[in-house]
Amino acid sequence: MLSLPDSDPIADLLKRSHTIAVVGLSNSPMRPSHGVSAYMQTQGYRIIPVNPTIQNSLGEKSYPTLLDVPEKIDIVNVFRRPEHVEEIVDQAIRLKVPALWMQESVVHEKAAEKARQAGIIVIMDQCILKEHRARFG
Protein backbone atom coordinates (compact mmCIF):
# COMPACT_ATOMS: atom_id res chain seq x y z
CA MET A 1 0.00 0.00 0.00
CA LEU A 2 1.25 3.45 -0.91
CA SER A 3 1.70 5.71 2.08
CA LEU A 4 1.46 9.43 1.53
CA PRO A 5 3.78 11.74 3.45
CA ASP A 6 2.21 13.74 6.24
CA SER A 7 1.12 17.12 5.02
CA ASP A 8 3.25 20.11 5.99
CA PRO A 9 0.97 23.08 6.69
CA ILE A 10 3.87 25.54 6.69
CA ALA A 11 5.15 24.33 3.29
CA ASP A 12 1.59 24.44 1.93
CA LEU A 13 1.13 27.99 3.22
CA LEU A 14 4.44 29.20 1.79
CA LYS A 15 3.72 27.55 -1.59
CA ARG A 16 0.31 29.16 -2.04
CA SER A 17 1.23 32.61 -0.69
CA HIS A 18 2.56 35.48 -2.79
CA THR A 19 2.16 38.68 -0.78
CA ILE A 20 3.56 39.17 2.72
CA ALA A 21 2.78 42.30 4.72
CA VAL A 22 5.60 42.75 7.23
CA VAL A 23 4.45 44.65 10.31
CA GLY A 24 7.45 46.34 11.91
CA LEU A 25 9.68 46.09 8.84
CA SER A 26 12.69 48.37 9.28
CA ASN A 27 14.52 50.14 6.47
CA SER A 28 17.81 49.45 8.29
CA PRO A 29 19.78 46.52 6.82
CA MET A 30 21.06 45.82 10.36
CA ARG A 31 17.60 44.81 11.66
CA PRO A 32 16.37 41.20 11.50
CA SER A 33 13.07 42.29 9.91
CA HIS A 34 15.01 43.77 6.98
CA GLY A 35 17.23 40.72 6.41
CA VAL A 36 14.38 38.23 6.69
CA SER A 37 12.16 40.25 4.36
CA ALA A 38 14.98 40.77 1.83
CA TYR A 39 15.49 36.98 1.75
CA MET A 40 11.76 36.34 1.21
CA GLN A 41 11.79 38.96 -1.57
CA THR A 42 14.63 37.08 -3.32
CA GLN A 43 12.47 33.95 -3.12
CA GLY A 44 9.76 35.62 -5.20
CA TYR A 45 7.44 36.97 -2.51
CA ARG A 46 5.97 40.46 -2.72
CA ILE A 47 6.93 42.25 0.50
CA ILE A 48 4.76 45.11 1.75
CA PRO A 49 6.27 47.14 4.60
CA VAL A 50 3.87 48.15 7.38
CA ASN A 51 5.55 50.73 9.58
CA PRO A 52 4.28 54.27 10.24
CA THR A 53 7.81 55.60 10.86
CA ILE A 54 9.29 54.89 7.40
CA GLN A 55 8.41 55.88 3.81
CA ASN A 56 9.68 52.70 2.16
CA SER A 57 11.87 49.63 2.55
CA LEU A 58 13.28 47.10 0.08
CA GLY A 59 12.01 49.24 -2.80
CA GLU A 60 8.40 49.07 -1.63
CA LYS A 61 6.15 51.83 -0.26
CA SER A 62 5.48 51.51 3.46
CA TYR A 63 1.97 51.78 4.94
CA PRO A 64 1.15 53.01 8.48
CA THR A 65 -1.17 50.07 9.29
CA LEU A 66 -2.44 46.87 7.71
CA LEU A 67 -5.74 48.62 7.07
CA ASP A 68 -3.93 51.08 4.76
CA VAL A 69 -2.51 48.35 2.48
CA PRO A 70 -4.46 48.60 -0.81
CA GLU A 71 -4.00 45.02 -1.98
CA LYS A 72 -4.72 41.45 -0.94
CA ILE A 73 -2.38 40.08 1.74
CA ASP A 74 -1.62 36.35 2.00
CA ILE A 75 0.49 36.43 5.17
CA VAL A 76 0.93 39.05 7.88
CA ASN A 77 4.46 38.62 9.24
CA VAL A 78 4.85 40.28 12.65
CA PHE A 79 8.13 41.83 13.84
CA ARG A 80 6.63 43.70 16.78
CA ARG A 81 6.72 43.11 20.53
CA PRO A 82 3.96 40.85 21.86
CA GLU A 83 2.03 43.75 23.43
CA HIS A 84 1.28 45.05 19.90
CA VAL A 85 0.00 41.75 18.51
CA GLU A 86 -3.67 42.07 19.52
CA GLU A 87 -4.15 45.23 17.47
CA ILE A 88 -2.45 43.56 14.49
CA VAL A 89 -4.73 40.51 14.84
CA ASP A 90 -7.81 42.75 14.92
CA GLN A 91 -6.70 44.38 11.66
CA ALA A 92 -5.90 41.00 10.07
CA ILE A 93 -9.38 39.74 11.00
CA ARG A 94 -11.00 42.84 9.46
CA LEU A 95 -9.03 42.26 6.25
CA LYS A 96 -9.75 38.50 6.25
CA VAL A 97 -6.04 37.73 5.91
CA PRO A 98 -5.57 33.94 5.64
CA ALA A 99 -2.39 33.66 7.75
CA LEU A 100 -0.61 35.35 10.65
CA TRP A 101 3.08 34.64 11.22
CA MET A 102 4.69 35.79 14.46
CA GLN A 103 8.48 35.78 14.31
CA GLU A 104 10.75 34.21 16.93
CA SER A 105 10.05 35.50 20.45
CA VAL A 106 6.74 37.05 19.36
CA VAL A 107 4.26 35.09 21.48
CA HIS A 108 0.74 36.12 22.37
CA GLU A 109 -1.54 33.15 23.07
CA LYS A 110 -4.74 35.17 23.52
CA ALA A 111 -4.29 37.04 20.22
CA ALA A 112 -3.30 33.80 18.45
CA GLU A 113 -6.46 32.09 19.68
CA LYS A 114 -8.58 35.06 18.60
CA ALA A 115 -7.03 34.82 15.11
CA ARG A 116 -7.63 31.04 14.96
CA GLN A 117 -11.26 31.55 15.99
CA ALA A 118 -11.57 33.91 13.00
CA GLY A 119 -10.25 31.19 10.68
CA ILE A 120 -6.71 32.53 10.37
CA ILE A 121 -3.77 30.11 10.19
CA VAL A 122 -1.37 31.08 13.00
CA ILE A 123 2.35 30.36 13.17
CA MET A 124 3.93 31.69 16.34
CA ASP A 125 7.50 32.03 17.62
CA GLN A 126 9.06 30.80 14.36
CA CYS A 127 11.23 32.53 11.76
CA ILE A 128 9.71 32.56 8.27
CA LEU A 129 13.19 32.64 6.69
CA LYS A 130 14.37 29.56 8.62
CA GLU A 131 11.13 27.70 7.89
CA HIS A 132 11.31 28.59 4.18
CA ARG A 133 14.97 27.58 3.93
CA ALA A 134 14.35 24.28 5.77
CA ARG A 135 11.70 23.33 3.22
CA PHE A 136 12.88 24.85 -0.04
CA GLY A 137 16.64 25.22 0.41
C-alpha atoms as a PDB file:
ATOM      1  CA  MET A   1       0.000   0.000   0.000  1.00  0.00           C
ATOM      2  CA  LEU A   2       1.252   3.455  -0.913  1.00  0.00           C
ATOM      3  CA  SER A   3       1.700   5.712   2.085  1.00  0.00           C
ATOM      4  CA  LEU A   4       1.464   9.430   1.534  1.00  0.00           C
ATOM      5  CA  PRO A   5       3.783  11.735   3.447  1.00  0.00           C
ATOM      6  CA  ASP A   6       2.209  13.744   6.241  1.00  0.00           C
ATOM      7  CA  SER A   7       1.120  17.123   5.025  1.00  0.00           C
ATOM      8  CA  ASP A   8       3.253  20.107   5.987  1.00  0.00           C
ATOM      9  CA  PRO A   9       0.966  23.076   6.687  1.00  0.00           C
ATOM     10  CA  ILE A  10       3.871  25.539   6.686  1.00  0.00           C
ATOM     11  CA  ALA A  11       5.148  24.327   3.293  1.00  0.00           C
ATOM     12  CA  ASP A  12       1.590  24.437   1.932  1.00  0.00           C
ATOM     13  CA  LEU A  13       1.130  27.992   3.224  1.00  0.00           C
ATOM     14  CA  LEU A  14       4.444  29.197   1.786  1.00  0.00           C
ATOM     15  CA  LYS A  15       3.723  27.550  -1.592  1.00  0.00           C
ATOM     16  CA  ARG A  16       0.311  29.162  -2.039  1.00  0.00           C
ATOM     17  CA  SER A  17       1.228  32.612  -0.691  1.00  0.00           C
ATOM     18  CA  HIS A  18       2.556  35.477  -2.791  1.00  0.00           C
ATOM     19  CA  THR A  19       2.163  38.680  -0.783  1.00  0.00           C
ATOM     20  CA  ILE A  20       3.563  39.172   2.720  1.00  0.00           C
ATOM     21  CA  ALA A  21       2.777  42.301   4.718  1.00  0.00           C
ATOM     22  CA  VAL A  22       5.604  42.747   7.231  1.00  0.00           C
ATOM     23  CA  VAL A  23       4.452  44.655  10.308  1.00  0.00           C
ATOM     24  CA  GLY A  24       7.446  46.345  11.915  1.00  0.00           C
ATOM     25  CA  LEU A  25       9.685  46.094   8.841  1.00  0.00           C
ATOM     26  CA  SER A  26      12.685  48.367   9.279  1.00  0.00           C
ATOM     27  CA  ASN A  27      14.518  50.140   6.473  1.00  0.00           C
ATOM     28  CA  SER A  28      17.807  49.449   8.294  1.00  0.00           C
ATOM     29  CA  PRO A  29      19.781  46.517   6.822  1.00  0.00           C
ATOM     30  CA  MET A  30      21.063  45.824  10.360  1.00  0.00           C
ATOM     31  CA  ARG A  31      17.597  44.813  11.657  1.00  0.00           C
ATOM     32  CA  PRO A  32      16.375  41.196  11.496  1.00  0.00           C
ATOM     33  CA  SER A  33      13.071  42.292   9.905  1.00  0.00           C
ATOM     34  CA  HIS A  34      15.006  43.767   6.978  1.00  0.00           C
ATOM     35  CA  GLY A  35      17.228  40.721   6.414  1.00  0.00           C
ATOM     36  CA  VAL A  36      14.377  38.225   6.690  1.00  0.00           C
ATOM     37  CA  SER A  37      12.158  40.255   4.356  1.00  0.00           C
ATOM     38  CA  ALA A  38      14.980  40.769   1.827  1.00  0.00           C
ATOM     39  CA  TYR A  39      15.489  36.984   1.746  1.00  0.00           C
ATOM     40  CA  MET A  40      11.763  36.344   1.211  1.00  0.00           C
ATOM     41  CA  GLN A  41      11.792  38.957  -1.567  1.00  0.00           C
ATOM     42  CA  THR A  42      14.630  37.079  -3.321  1.00  0.00           C
ATOM     43  CA  GLN A  43      12.466  33.947  -3.124  1.00  0.00           C
ATOM     44  CA  GLY A  44       9.763  35.625  -5.200  1.00  0.00           C
ATOM     45  CA  TYR A  45       7.437  36.969  -2.507  1.00  0.00           C
ATOM     46  CA  ARG A  46       5.971  40.462  -2.716  1.00  0.00           C
ATOM     47  CA  ILE A  47       6.934  42.252   0.496  1.00  0.00           C
ATOM     48  CA  ILE A  48       4.758  45.107   1.753  1.00  0.00           C
ATOM     49  CA  PRO A  49       6.273  47.136   4.600  1.00  0.00           C
ATOM     50  CA  VAL A  50       3.870  48.148   7.376  1.00  0.00           C
ATOM     51  CA  ASN A  51       5.548  50.730   9.584  1.00  0.00           C
ATOM     52  CA  PRO A  52       4.282  54.274  10.243  1.00  0.00           C
ATOM     53  CA  THR A  53       7.808  55.598  10.860  1.00  0.00           C
ATOM     54  CA  ILE A  54       9.289  54.892   7.397  1.00  0.00           C
ATOM     55  CA  GLN A  55       8.411  55.875   3.813  1.00  0.00           C
ATOM     56  CA  ASN A  56       9.683  52.699   2.164  1.00  0.00           C
ATOM     57  CA  SER A  57      11.870  49.629   2.552  1.00  0.00           C
ATOM     58  CA  LEU A  58      13.283  47.104   0.083  1.00  0.00           C
ATOM     59  CA  GLY A  59      12.014  49.245  -2.801  1.00  0.00           C
ATOM     60  CA  GLU A  60       8.399  49.073  -1.629  1.00  0.00           C
ATOM     61  CA  LYS A  61       6.148  51.830  -0.265  1.00  0.00           C
ATOM     62  CA  SER A  62       5.479  51.511   3.463  1.00  0.00           C
ATOM     63  CA  TYR A  63       1.975  51.784   4.945  1.00  0.00           C
ATOM     64  CA  PRO A  64       1.150  53.011   8.480  1.00  0.00           C
ATOM     65  CA  THR A  65      -1.173  50.072   9.293  1.00  0.00           C
ATOM     66  CA  LEU A  66      -2.435  46.867   7.706  1.00  0.00           C
ATOM     67  CA  LEU A  67      -5.740  48.622   7.066  1.00  0.00           C
ATOM     68  CA  ASP A  68      -3.929  51.081   4.763  1.00  0.00           C
ATOM     69  CA  VAL A  69      -2.510  48.354   2.480  1.00  0.00           C
ATOM     70  CA  PRO A  70      -4.455  48.603  -0.809  1.00  0.00           C
ATOM     71  CA  GLU A  71      -3.995  45.019  -1.976  1.00  0.00           C
ATOM     72  CA  LYS A  72      -4.720  41.452  -0.943  1.00  0.00           C
ATOM     73  CA  ILE A  73      -2.382  40.079   1.742  1.00  0.00           C
ATOM     74  CA  ASP A  74      -1.619  36.347   2.002  1.00  0.00           C
ATOM     75  CA  ILE A  75       0.493  36.425   5.171  1.00  0.00           C
ATOM     76  CA  VAL A  76       0.926  39.046   7.883  1.00  0.00           C
ATOM     77  CA  ASN A  77       4.464  38.622   9.244  1.00  0.00           C
ATOM     78  CA  VAL A  78       4.852  40.284  12.651  1.00  0.00           C
ATOM     79  CA  PHE A  79       8.132  41.828  13.837  1.00  0.00           C
ATOM     80  CA  ARG A  80       6.625  43.696  16.785  1.00  0.00           C
ATOM     81  CA  ARG A  81       6.724  43.110  20.529  1.00  0.00           C
ATOM     82  CA  PRO A  82       3.960  40.855  21.862  1.00  0.00           C
ATOM     83  CA  GLU A  83       2.031  43.745  23.428  1.00  0.00           C
ATOM     84  CA  HIS A  84       1.280  45.049  19.902  1.00  0.00           C
ATOM     85  CA  VAL A  85      -0.004  41.754  18.506  1.00  0.00           C
ATOM     86  CA  GLU A  86      -3.670  42.067  19.522  1.00  0.00           C
ATOM     87  CA  GLU A  87      -4.155  45.228  17.471  1.00  0.00           C
ATOM     88  CA  ILE A  88      -2.450  43.562  14.489  1.00  0.00           C
ATOM     89  CA  VAL A  89      -4.726  40.514  14.843  1.00  0.00           C
ATOM     90  CA  ASP A  90      -7.814  42.750  14.920  1.00  0.00           C
ATOM     91  CA  GLN A  91      -6.699  44.382  11.659  1.00  0.00           C
ATOM     92  CA  ALA A  92      -5.896  40.995  10.068  1.00  0.00           C
ATOM     93  CA  ILE A  93      -9.376  39.739  11.004  1.00  0.00           C
ATOM     94  CA  ARG A  94     -10.998  42.842   9.461  1.00  0.00           C
ATOM     95  CA  LEU A  95      -9.031  42.261   6.247  1.00  0.00           C
ATOM     96  CA  LYS A  96      -9.752  38.499   6.251  1.00  0.00           C
ATOM     97  CA  VAL A  97      -6.040  37.730   5.914  1.00  0.00           C
ATOM     98  CA  PRO A  98      -5.573  33.943   5.641  1.00  0.00           C
ATOM     99  CA  ALA A  99      -2.391  33.656   7.746  1.00  0.00           C
ATOM    100  CA  LEU A 100      -0.611  35.351  10.646  1.00  0.00           C
ATOM    101  CA  TRP A 101       3.078  34.644  11.217  1.00  0.00           C
ATOM    102  CA  MET A 102       4.693  35.795  14.456  1.00  0.00           C
ATOM    103  CA  GLN A 103       8.476  35.784  14.308  1.00  0.00           C
ATOM    104  CA  GLU A 104      10.753  34.206  16.926  1.00  0.00           C
ATOM    105  CA  SER A 105      10.053  35.501  20.455  1.00  0.00           C
ATOM    106  CA  VAL A 106       6.743  37.050  19.357  1.00  0.00           C
ATOM    107  CA  VAL A 107       4.261  35.088  21.480  1.00  0.00           C
ATOM    108  CA  HIS A 108       0.736  36.123  22.373  1.00  0.00           C
ATOM    109  CA  GLU A 109      -1.537  33.147  23.066  1.00  0.00           C
ATOM    110  CA  LYS A 110      -4.742  35.174  23.523  1.00  0.00           C
ATOM    111  CA  ALA A 111      -4.290  37.036  20.225  1.00  0.00           C
ATOM    112  CA  ALA A 112      -3.303  33.804  18.455  1.00  0.00           C
ATOM    113  CA  GLU A 113      -6.458  32.088  19.680  1.00  0.00           C
ATOM    114  CA  LYS A 114      -8.580  35.057  18.597  1.00  0.00           C
ATOM    115  CA  ALA A 115      -7.027  34.816  15.113  1.00  0.00           C
ATOM    116  CA  ARG A 116      -7.629  31.039  14.961  1.00  0.00           C
ATOM    117  CA  GLN A 117     -11.263  31.549  15.985  1.00  0.00           C
ATOM    118  CA  ALA A 118     -11.574  33.906  13.002  1.00  0.00           C
ATOM    119  CA  GLY A 119     -10.247  31.187  10.684  1.00  0.00           C
ATOM    120  CA  ILE A 120      -6.709  32.529  10.367  1.00  0.00           C
ATOM    121  CA  ILE A 121      -3.768  30.114  10.194  1.00  0.00           C
ATOM    122  CA  VAL A 122      -1.375  31.080  13.005  1.00  0.00           C
ATOM    123  CA  ILE A 123       2.345  30.359  13.166  1.00  0.00           C
ATOM    124  CA  MET A 124       3.927  31.693  16.337  1.00  0.00           C
ATOM    125  CA  ASP A 125       7.500  32.030  17.625  1.00  0.00           C
ATOM    126  CA  GLN A 126       9.062  30.804  14.358  1.00  0.00           C
ATOM    127  CA  CYS A 127      11.234  32.526  11.760  1.00  0.00           C
ATOM    128  CA  ILE A 128       9.711  32.559   8.274  1.00  0.00           C
ATOM    129  CA  LEU A 129      13.189  32.645   6.687  1.00  0.00           C
ATOM    130  CA  LYS A 130      14.369  29.562   8.621  1.00  0.00           C
ATOM    131  CA  GLU A 131      11.129  27.699   7.895  1.00  0.00           C
ATOM    132  CA  HIS A 132      11.313  28.588   4.184  1.00  0.00           C
ATOM    133  CA  ARG A 133      14.972  27.583   3.931  1.00  0.00           C
ATOM    134  CA  ALA A 134      14.353  24.285   5.770  1.00  0.00           C
ATOM    135  CA  ARG A 135      11.698  23.326   3.221  1.00  0.00           C
ATOM    136  CA  PHE A 136      12.882  24.853  -0.038  1.00  0.00           C
ATOM    137  CA  GLY A 137      16.642  25.222   0.414  1.00  0.00           C
END
